[in-house]
Amino acid sequence: MHLPVVEDEEMVRVDSRYPDGSVHINEYKGKLIVDFVNADTGATVRRDLSGSGAEEFRPEGTRKTLGGVGPFGVRLKTTDAYPAGYHVVDGIHVTTWDTAGRRHMPLAVGSEENICETLA
């Protein structure tokens, strides 16, 4: 899948840093429009991912939590504890990463579209 960006007015703000200066929490907001393109067939859908959210990192730099009010996108792998695919979610969603890098979605309130299924 290819994800060409159509419009990007998304802003990122660092809300918190660790004592060494590395990012602890980033905040995201602003307009983000993306085309999702099936690399095999060329089928394309356009989605608005202009939600807002915050992302927390562990001290060593790995992701810990991504929470947001949609719409926004979440990519999940076959090894994650949630159906694989690129999900466009709307409503309130929280994605967490365990220390092994496996993703979980402990909070999912609202709609979800698996773009891989949409373009299949």
Protein backbone atom coordinates (compact mmCIF):
# COMPACT_ATOMS: atom_id res chain seq x y z
CA MET A 1 0.00 0.00 0.00
CA HIS A 2 1.14 3.53 -0.80
CA LEU A 3 -0.07 6.57 1.13
CA PRO A 4 0.53 9.76 -0.87
CA VAL A 5 -0.30 12.84 1.16
CA VAL A 6 -2.81 15.14 -0.58
CA GLU A 7 -2.94 17.93 2.02
CA ASP A 8 -0.75 18.30 5.10
CA GLU A 9 -1.35 21.10 7.55
CA GLU A 10 -0.72 18.84 10.52
CA MET A 11 1.17 20.39 13.39
CA VAL A 12 3.23 18.64 16.05
CA ARG A 13 3.98 20.14 19.43
CA VAL A 14 6.30 18.67 22.04
CA ASP A 15 4.35 18.79 25.30
CA SER A 16 6.90 17.09 27.53
CA ARG A 17 10.55 16.06 27.46
CA TYR A 18 12.63 13.70 29.55
CA PRO A 19 15.56 15.20 31.54
CA ASP A 20 17.95 14.21 28.71
CA GLY A 21 15.90 16.30 26.25
CA SER A 22 14.29 13.42 24.38
CA VAL A 23 10.58 13.64 23.60
CA HIS A 24 8.19 12.23 26.19
CA ILE A 25 4.84 13.46 24.75
CA ASN A 26 3.97 14.86 21.31
CA GLU A 27 0.62 16.44 20.47
CA TYR A 28 -0.80 16.32 16.92
CA LYS A 29 -3.54 18.37 15.28
CA GLY A 30 -4.43 19.86 11.92
CA LYS A 31 -5.61 18.91 8.48
CA LEU A 32 -4.21 15.72 6.94
CA ILE A 33 -5.74 14.22 3.78
CA VAL A 34 -4.21 10.99 2.43
CA ASP A 35 -4.83 8.76 -0.59
CA PHE A 36 -4.57 5.05 0.16
CA VAL A 37 -3.40 3.21 -2.96
CA ASN A 38 -3.42 -0.58 -3.39
CA ALA A 39 0.04 -1.21 -4.86
CA ASP A 40 -1.17 -4.28 -6.80
CA THR A 41 -4.41 -2.98 -8.34
CA GLY A 42 -4.07 0.80 -8.24
CA ALA A 43 -7.42 1.08 -6.45
CA THR A 44 -7.48 4.29 -4.43
CA VAL A 45 -9.56 5.84 -1.66
CA ARG A 46 -9.08 9.27 -0.12
CA ARG A 47 -9.51 9.74 3.62
CA ASP A 48 -9.44 12.67 6.02
CA LEU A 49 -7.12 11.91 8.95
CA SER A 50 -7.46 15.35 10.56
CA GLY A 51 -8.14 14.23 14.11
CA SER A 52 -6.14 15.29 17.12
CA GLY A 53 -4.12 13.21 19.50
CA ALA A 54 -1.11 12.69 21.69
CA GLU A 55 1.70 10.16 21.59
CA GLU A 56 3.80 9.07 24.56
CA PHE A 57 7.31 7.65 24.23
CA ARG A 58 9.33 5.62 26.71
CA PRO A 59 12.66 7.05 27.94
CA GLU A 60 14.61 4.93 25.41
CA GLY A 61 12.50 6.34 22.55
CA THR A 62 10.07 3.51 21.78
CA ARG A 63 6.37 4.26 21.50
CA LYS A 64 4.17 3.62 24.51
CA THR A 65 0.73 5.13 23.81
CA LEU A 66 -1.12 6.91 21.01
CA GLY A 67 -4.51 8.32 21.89
CA GLY A 68 -6.75 10.49 19.82
CA VAL A 69 -10.09 11.78 18.75
CA GLY A 70 -10.54 10.82 15.11
CA PRO A 71 -10.40 10.65 12.35
CA PHE A 72 -6.83 9.37 12.29
CA GLY A 73 -4.93 6.35 11.02
CA VAL A 74 -3.40 3.38 12.84
CA ARG A 75 -1.31 0.71 11.10
CA LEU A 76 -1.48 -2.72 12.73
CA LYS A 77 0.64 -5.78 11.90
CA THR A 78 -0.26 -9.47 11.90
CA THR A 79 1.74 -9.88 15.12
CA ASP A 80 -0.37 -7.27 16.95
CA ALA A 81 -3.25 -7.98 19.32
CA TYR A 82 -5.78 -6.45 16.91
CA PRO A 83 -6.80 -7.25 13.32
CA ALA A 84 -3.97 -6.38 10.91
CA GLY A 85 -4.36 -3.57 8.40
CA TYR A 86 -4.33 0.18 8.11
CA HIS A 87 -7.30 1.36 10.13
CA VAL A 88 -8.97 4.75 9.78
CA VAL A 89 -10.65 5.33 13.11
CA ASP A 90 -13.10 7.99 14.22
CA GLY A 91 -14.27 8.61 17.75
CA ILE A 92 -11.94 7.95 20.66
CA HIS A 93 -9.20 5.35 20.24
CA VAL A 94 -6.08 4.46 22.21
CA THR A 95 -3.28 2.29 20.85
CA THR A 96 -0.57 1.00 23.17
CA TRP A 97 2.74 -0.73 22.50
CA ASP A 98 4.08 -3.30 24.93
CA THR A 99 7.84 -3.47 25.50
CA ALA A 100 8.16 -6.13 22.76
CA GLY A 101 6.62 -3.69 20.25
CA ARG A 102 3.28 -5.50 19.95
CA ARG A 103 0.33 -3.13 19.53
CA HIS A 104 -2.95 -3.28 21.43
CA MET A 105 -6.09 -1.15 21.19
CA PRO A 106 -7.54 -1.07 24.72
CA LEU A 107 -10.01 1.72 23.92
CA ALA A 108 -11.99 1.77 20.67
CA VAL A 109 -15.14 3.89 20.77
CA GLY A 110 -16.43 4.92 17.37
CA SER A 111 -16.12 3.77 13.79
CA GLU A 112 -13.23 1.84 12.25
CA GLU A 113 -12.48 1.14 8.61
CA ASN A 114 -9.79 -1.37 7.63
CA ILE A 115 -8.49 0.24 4.43
CA CYS A 116 -6.84 -3.03 3.35
CA GLU A 117 -10.30 -4.63 3.26
CA THR A 118 -11.82 -1.60 1.53
CA LEU A 119 -9.23 -1.79 -1.26
CA ALA A 120 -9.23 -5.60 -1.57
